[in-house]
Protein backbone atom coordinates (compact mmCIF):
# COMPACT_ATOMS: atom_id res chain seq x y z
CA MET A 1 0.00 0.00 0.00
CA SER A 2 1.32 3.41 -0.92
CA ILE A 3 1.98 5.63 2.06
CA ASN A 4 0.86 8.55 -0.11
CA SER A 5 -2.73 7.42 0.43
CA LYS A 6 -2.29 8.02 4.17
CA LEU A 7 -1.28 11.66 3.69
CA SER A 8 -3.46 14.56 2.62
CA ASP A 9 -1.91 17.53 0.83
CA GLU A 10 -2.31 19.44 4.10
CA ASN A 11 -0.37 16.70 5.95
CA ILE A 12 2.48 17.05 3.47
CA GLU A 13 2.41 20.86 3.60
CA ASP A 14 2.78 20.61 7.39
CA CYS A 15 6.08 18.76 6.82
CA ILE A 16 7.68 21.46 4.67
CA GLU A 17 9.72 24.28 6.11
CA GLY A 18 9.37 26.61 3.17
CA SER A 19 7.70 26.19 -0.17
CA SER A 20 7.66 23.22 -2.48
CA ASP A 21 5.65 21.31 -5.05
CA ILE A 22 3.26 18.79 -3.44
CA LYS A 23 3.07 16.71 -6.64
CA MET A 24 6.87 16.43 -6.74
CA LEU A 25 6.96 15.48 -3.05
CA ARG A 26 4.34 12.76 -3.60
CA GLU A 27 6.46 11.33 -6.44
CA ILE A 28 9.53 11.34 -4.20
CA ILE A 29 7.55 9.72 -1.38
CA ASP A 30 6.58 6.91 -3.77
CA MET A 31 10.20 6.42 -4.88
CA ALA A 32 11.62 6.57 -1.34
CA GLN A 33 8.95 4.43 0.34
CA ASP A 34 10.41 1.86 2.69
CA GLY A 35 7.58 -0.13 4.22
CA ASP A 36 5.25 2.21 6.12
CA PHE A 37 7.71 5.12 6.05
CA VAL A 38 10.11 6.93 3.72
CA ASN A 39 13.82 6.20 3.63
CA ILE A 40 15.22 9.49 4.89
CA GLU A 41 18.51 9.46 2.96
CA GLU A 42 16.89 8.34 -0.28
CA PHE A 43 14.21 11.02 0.07
CA ALA A 44 16.89 13.67 0.71
CA ASP A 45 18.89 12.52 -2.34
CA LEU A 46 15.83 12.63 -4.59
CA PHE A 47 14.63 15.95 -3.18
CA ALA A 48 17.99 17.67 -3.69
CA TYR A 49 18.28 16.19 -7.19
CA ASN A 50 14.77 17.32 -8.17
CA ILE A 51 15.24 20.93 -7.09
CA ARG A 52 18.80 21.32 -8.41
CA GLY A 53 17.47 23.50 -11.25
CA PHE A 54 16.66 26.22 -8.72
CA ILE A 55 20.31 26.60 -7.71
CA SER A 56 21.85 29.74 -9.13
CA ALA A 57 25.50 29.35 -8.22
CA GLU A 58 28.53 31.23 -9.44
CA ASP A 59 30.90 28.26 -9.11
CA ASP A 60 31.11 24.59 -8.12
CA GLU A 61 31.71 25.40 -4.46
CA ASP A 62 28.56 27.55 -4.26
CA TYR A 63 26.60 24.88 -6.15
CA ASP A 64 27.80 22.14 -3.79
CA GLU A 65 26.89 24.22 -0.74
CA ALA A 66 23.39 24.93 -2.12
CA TYR A 67 22.91 21.26 -3.07
CA ASN A 68 23.99 20.16 0.41
CA ASN A 69 21.60 22.67 1.99
CA ASN A 70 18.79 21.30 -0.17
CA TRP A 71 19.75 17.75 0.84
CA GLU A 72 19.51 18.74 4.51
CA TRP A 73 16.13 20.38 3.81
CA GLY A 74 14.97 17.14 2.16
CA LYS A 75 16.17 15.17 5.18
CA ILE A 76 14.13 17.39 7.51
CA ILE A 77 11.06 17.03 5.28
CA ALA A 78 11.48 13.23 5.25
CA MET A 79 11.77 13.11 9.04
CA ASN A 80 8.67 15.29 9.32
CA ILE A 81 6.80 13.01 6.91
CA ASN A 82 7.76 9.95 8.95
CA ASP A 83 6.60 11.72 12.12
CA LYS A 84 3.32 12.58 10.40
CA LEU A 85 2.93 8.98 9.21
CA SER A 86 3.49 7.77 12.77
CA SER A 87 0.78 10.06 14.09
CA VAL A 88 -1.61 9.10 11.26
CA SER A 89 -1.00 5.39 12.04
CA ASP A 90 -1.56 6.01 15.75
CA ASN A 91 -4.94 7.58 15.00
CA VAL A 92 -6.19 4.66 12.87
């Protein structure tokens, strides 16, 4: 069963610290699903990869720093999603 079906758009929006594309996040959730949760590192990898086009860097060092920041942001989102999934499961 896809864990996406357990999460409303509002649930996902609660997990984001900033702005992002819910459709993209749902696709990443599907790709990073690991049982009843998302694999945090895989989610972070996919998230950073999918938003790399928004990085406007002057050089490789700036790009790497921005990519790493986006990876950390993805990690936080994944942890928030797993927390949300835990609370949704607890309420069922």
